[in-house]
Amino acid sequence: MSGQRIDGIDPEAADGRVRAVREAQVARWGAPLRNQLVYARVPAIFRAVRGMWAGLAEAGLVDERLQALLNRRVAALNGCEF
């Protein structure tokens, strides 16, 4: 994973919840999201981040299409390709 300061876990070695999330991301975007692989290095952080996104989705306060635009904007501001 070039360009990253911290390598994520090997996506093929993921198990349990991490594997399920990885498979859903591959189905939706064609690859697992790199930041999720970094979060997965510490399972408690991975669960917390996934919980935050689940909470945002459940609250319904930010439309899913707007979430995608916001994610791209934040990625661009951080110099990340999205």
N, C-alpha and C. Protein backbone atom coordinates (compact mmCIF):
# COMPACT_ATOMS: atom_id res chain seq x y z
N MET A 1 0.84 -1.17 0.00
CA MET A 1 0.00 0.00 0.00
C MET A 1 0.88 1.23 0.00
N SER A 2 1.29 1.62 -1.13
CA SER A 2 2.23 2.72 -1.24
C SER A 2 1.60 4.04 -0.83
N GLY A 3 2.42 4.92 -0.28
CA GLY A 3 1.98 6.24 0.08
C GLY A 3 1.38 6.34 1.48
N GLN A 4 1.14 5.22 2.11
CA GLN A 4 0.59 5.26 3.45
C GLN A 4 1.70 5.24 4.47
N ARG A 5 1.50 5.97 5.55
CA ARG A 5 2.48 5.96 6.63
C ARG A 5 2.34 4.72 7.48
N ILE A 6 1.12 4.21 7.62
CA ILE A 6 0.86 3.02 8.41
C ILE A 6 0.19 1.99 7.51
N ASP A 7 0.78 0.82 7.43
CA ASP A 7 0.18 -0.23 6.62
C ASP A 7 -1.02 -0.82 7.34
N GLY A 8 -2.04 -1.15 6.57
CA GLY A 8 -3.19 -1.84 7.11
C GLY A 8 -2.93 -3.32 7.18
N ILE A 9 -3.93 -4.04 7.67
CA ILE A 9 -3.80 -5.49 7.71
C ILE A 9 -3.89 -6.05 6.30
N ASP A 10 -3.43 -7.26 6.12
CA ASP A 10 -3.57 -7.95 4.84
C ASP A 10 -5.06 -8.25 4.68
N PRO A 11 -5.72 -7.71 3.65
CA PRO A 11 -7.16 -7.91 3.52
C PRO A 11 -7.56 -9.38 3.38
N GLU A 12 -6.66 -10.20 2.85
CA GLU A 12 -6.96 -11.62 2.71
C GLU A 12 -6.89 -12.35 4.05
N ALA A 13 -6.23 -11.74 5.03
CA ALA A 13 -6.08 -12.38 6.35
C ALA A 13 -7.17 -11.93 7.33
N ALA A 14 -8.07 -11.05 6.86
CA ALA A 14 -9.12 -10.54 7.74
C ALA A 14 -10.07 -11.66 8.15
N ASP A 15 -10.60 -11.54 9.36
CA ASP A 15 -11.57 -12.54 9.81
C ASP A 15 -12.75 -11.85 10.47
N GLY A 16 -13.81 -12.58 10.71
CA GLY A 16 -14.98 -12.07 11.42
C GLY A 16 -15.59 -10.84 10.79
N ARG A 17 -15.84 -9.85 11.63
CA ARG A 17 -16.50 -8.61 11.20
C ARG A 17 -15.66 -7.87 10.17
N VAL A 18 -14.35 -7.89 10.34
CA VAL A 18 -13.47 -7.21 9.37
C VAL A 18 -13.64 -7.84 8.00
N ARG A 19 -13.69 -9.15 7.93
CA ARG A 19 -13.87 -9.84 6.64
C ARG A 19 -15.22 -9.46 6.02
N ALA A 20 -16.28 -9.42 6.82
CA ALA A 20 -17.60 -9.08 6.30
C ALA A 20 -17.62 -7.65 5.73
N VAL A 21 -17.00 -6.73 6.45
CA VAL A 21 -16.93 -5.34 5.97
C VAL A 21 -16.09 -5.27 4.70
N ARG A 22 -14.95 -5.97 4.70
CA ARG A 22 -14.08 -5.98 3.52
C ARG A 22 -14.84 -6.51 2.31
N GLU A 23 -15.56 -7.61 2.47
CA GLU A 23 -16.30 -8.19 1.35
C GLU A 23 -17.39 -7.25 0.84
N ALA A 24 -18.06 -6.55 1.75
CA ALA A 24 -19.08 -5.58 1.33
C ALA A 24 -18.45 -4.41 0.57
N GLN A 25 -17.27 -3.97 1.01
CA GLN A 25 -16.59 -2.87 0.32
C GLN A 25 -16.11 -3.32 -1.06
N VAL A 26 -15.62 -4.53 -1.17
CA VAL A 26 -15.19 -5.05 -2.47
C VAL A 26 -16.39 -5.12 -3.41
N ALA A 27 -17.52 -5.59 -2.91
CA ALA A 27 -18.73 -5.68 -3.73
C ALA A 27 -19.19 -4.30 -4.19
N ARG A 28 -19.08 -3.31 -3.30
CA ARG A 28 -19.58 -1.97 -3.63
C ARG A 28 -18.59 -1.13 -4.42
N TRP A 29 -17.30 -1.16 -4.01
CA TRP A 29 -16.32 -0.27 -4.62
C TRP A 29 -15.20 -0.98 -5.37
N GLY A 30 -15.18 -2.30 -5.36
CA GLY A 30 -14.17 -3.05 -6.10
C GLY A 30 -12.91 -3.35 -5.31
N ALA A 31 -12.79 -2.80 -4.11
CA ALA A 31 -11.62 -3.03 -3.25
C ALA A 31 -11.96 -2.59 -1.84
N PRO A 32 -11.27 -3.13 -0.84
CA PRO A 32 -11.50 -2.65 0.51
C PRO A 32 -10.93 -1.24 0.66
N LEU A 33 -11.57 -0.43 1.49
CA LEU A 33 -11.08 0.92 1.73
C LEU A 33 -9.85 0.85 2.62
N ARG A 34 -8.81 1.52 2.21
CA ARG A 34 -7.53 1.45 2.93
C ARG A 34 -7.64 1.87 4.38
N ASN A 35 -8.41 2.93 4.64
CA ASN A 35 -8.50 3.39 6.02
C ASN A 35 -9.11 2.32 6.92
N GLN A 36 -10.04 1.55 6.41
CA GLN A 36 -10.65 0.49 7.21
C GLN A 36 -9.63 -0.60 7.54
N LEU A 37 -8.71 -0.86 6.62
CA LEU A 37 -7.67 -1.85 6.87
C LEU A 37 -6.69 -1.36 7.94
N VAL A 38 -6.48 -0.05 8.00
CA VAL A 38 -5.63 0.51 9.06
C VAL A 38 -6.36 0.43 10.39
N TYR A 39 -7.64 0.82 10.41
CA TYR A 39 -8.42 0.72 11.65
C TYR A 39 -8.45 -0.71 12.17
N ALA A 40 -8.48 -1.68 11.26
CA ALA A 40 -8.59 -3.10 11.65
C ALA A 40 -7.35 -3.59 12.38
N ARG A 41 -6.27 -2.83 12.36
CA ARG A 41 -5.07 -3.22 13.14
C ARG A 41 -5.40 -3.28 14.62
N VAL A 42 -6.36 -2.46 15.06
CA VAL A 42 -6.79 -2.43 16.46
C VAL A 42 -8.31 -2.67 16.45
N PRO A 43 -8.74 -3.89 16.76
CA PRO A 43 -10.16 -4.22 16.65
C PRO A 43 -11.10 -3.25 17.37
N ALA A 44 -10.73 -2.73 18.53
CA ALA A 44 -11.59 -1.79 19.24
C ALA A 44 -11.80 -0.51 18.43
N ILE A 45 -10.76 -0.03 17.76
CA ILE A 45 -10.89 1.17 16.93
C ILE A 45 -11.75 0.86 15.71
N PHE A 46 -11.54 -0.30 15.11
CA PHE A 46 -12.34 -0.70 13.95
C PHE A 46 -13.83 -0.71 14.32
N ARG A 47 -14.16 -1.33 15.46
CA ARG A 47 -15.56 -1.39 15.89
C ARG A 47 -16.12 0.00 16.15
N ALA A 48 -15.32 0.87 16.76
CA ALA A 48 -15.78 2.23 17.06
C ALA A 48 -16.06 3.01 15.78
N VAL A 49 -15.17 2.92 14.81
CA VAL A 49 -15.36 3.65 13.56
C VAL A 49 -16.58 3.11 12.82
N ARG A 50 -16.71 1.79 12.76
CA ARG A 50 -17.88 1.19 12.09
C ARG A 50 -19.15 1.61 12.82
N GLY A 51 -19.10 1.69 14.15
CA GLY A 51 -20.26 2.12 14.92
C GLY A 51 -20.65 3.55 14.62
N MET A 52 -19.64 4.41 14.44
CA MET A 52 -19.92 5.80 14.11
C MET A 52 -20.67 5.89 12.78
N TRP A 53 -20.17 5.17 11.77
CA TRP A 53 -20.82 5.21 10.46
C TRP A 53 -22.22 4.61 10.51
N ALA A 54 -22.38 3.54 11.28
CA ALA A 54 -23.71 2.94 11.43
C ALA A 54 -24.66 3.92 12.11
N GLY A 55 -24.16 4.63 13.12
CA GLY A 55 -24.98 5.63 13.81
C GLY A 55 -25.39 6.76 12.90
N LEU A 56 -24.47 7.22 12.08
CA LEU A 56 -24.81 8.29 11.13
C LEU A 56 -25.88 7.82 10.14
N ALA A 57 -25.73 6.59 9.67
CA ALA A 57 -26.71 6.05 8.73
C ALA A 57 -28.08 5.90 9.40
N GLU A 58 -28.09 5.38 10.62
CA GLU A 58 -29.33 5.16 11.34
C GLU A 58 -30.03 6.49 11.65
N ALA A 59 -29.27 7.51 12.00
CA ALA A 59 -29.86 8.81 12.32
C ALA A 59 -30.53 9.44 11.11
N GLY A 60 -29.99 9.15 9.92
CA GLY A 60 -30.59 9.68 8.70
C GLY A 60 -30.45 11.18 8.54
N LEU A 61 -29.54 11.80 9.25
CA LEU A 61 -29.39 13.25 9.20
C LEU A 61 -28.62 13.72 7.97
N VAL A 62 -27.78 12.85 7.42
CA VAL A 62 -26.99 13.21 6.25
C VAL A 62 -27.31 12.19 5.16
N ASP A 63 -27.87 12.67 4.06
CA ASP A 63 -28.21 11.80 2.94
C ASP A 63 -26.98 11.01 2.48
N GLU A 64 -27.19 9.76 2.09
CA GLU A 64 -26.08 8.89 1.68
C GLU A 64 -25.27 9.48 0.53
N ARG A 65 -25.94 10.13 -0.42
CA ARG A 65 -25.21 10.75 -1.54
C ARG A 65 -24.35 11.91 -1.07
N LEU A 66 -24.85 12.67 -0.10
CA LEU A 66 -24.06 13.76 0.46
C LEU A 66 -22.88 13.22 1.25
N GLN A 67 -23.06 12.09 1.95
CA GLN A 67 -21.95 11.46 2.66
C GLN A 67 -20.83 11.11 1.70
N ALA A 68 -21.18 10.59 0.53
CA ALA A 68 -20.17 10.23 -0.46
C ALA A 68 -19.41 11.47 -0.93
N LEU A 69 -20.13 12.57 -1.17
CA LEU A 69 -19.47 13.81 -1.58
C LEU A 69 -18.56 14.35 -0.48
N LEU A 70 -19.04 14.29 0.75
CA LEU A 70 -18.23 14.76 1.88
C LEU A 70 -16.96 13.93 2.03
N ASN A 71 -17.09 12.60 1.87
CA ASN A 71 -15.92 11.72 1.96
C ASN A 71 -14.90 12.08 0.89
N ARG A 72 -15.36 12.33 -0.31
CA ARG A 72 -14.43 12.69 -1.40
C ARG A 72 -13.76 14.03 -1.13
N ARG A 73 -14.51 14.97 -0.60
CA ARG A 73 -13.94 16.29 -0.31
C ARG A 73 -12.88 16.19 0.79
N VAL A 74 -13.19 15.46 1.85
CA VAL A 74 -12.22 15.29 2.93
C VAL A 74 -10.98 14.57 2.40
N ALA A 75 -11.17 13.54 1.58
CA ALA A 75 -10.03 12.84 1.00
C ALA A 75 -9.18 13.80 0.17
N ALA A 76 -9.81 14.62 -0.64
CA ALA A 76 -9.07 15.57 -1.46
C ALA A 76 -8.29 16.56 -0.60
N LEU A 77 -8.92 17.05 0.47
CA LEU A 77 -8.25 17.99 1.36
C LEU A 77 -7.03 17.35 2.04
N ASN A 78 -7.11 16.04 2.24
CA ASN A 78 -5.99 15.32 2.86
C ASN A 78 -4.99 14.79 1.85
N GLY A 79 -5.19 15.11 0.58
CA GLY A 79 -4.27 14.67 -0.46
C GLY A 79 -4.39 13.20 -0.79
N CYS A 80 -5.54 12.62 -0.48
CA CYS A 80 -5.75 11.20 -0.74
C CYS A 80 -6.54 11.01 -2.03
N GLU A 81 -6.15 10.00 -2.79
CA GLU A 81 -6.95 9.62 -3.94
C GLU A 81 -8.12 8.81 -3.42
N PHE A 82 -9.28 9.07 -3.94
CA PHE A 82 -10.47 8.36 -3.48
C PHE A 82 -11.06 7.58 -4.62
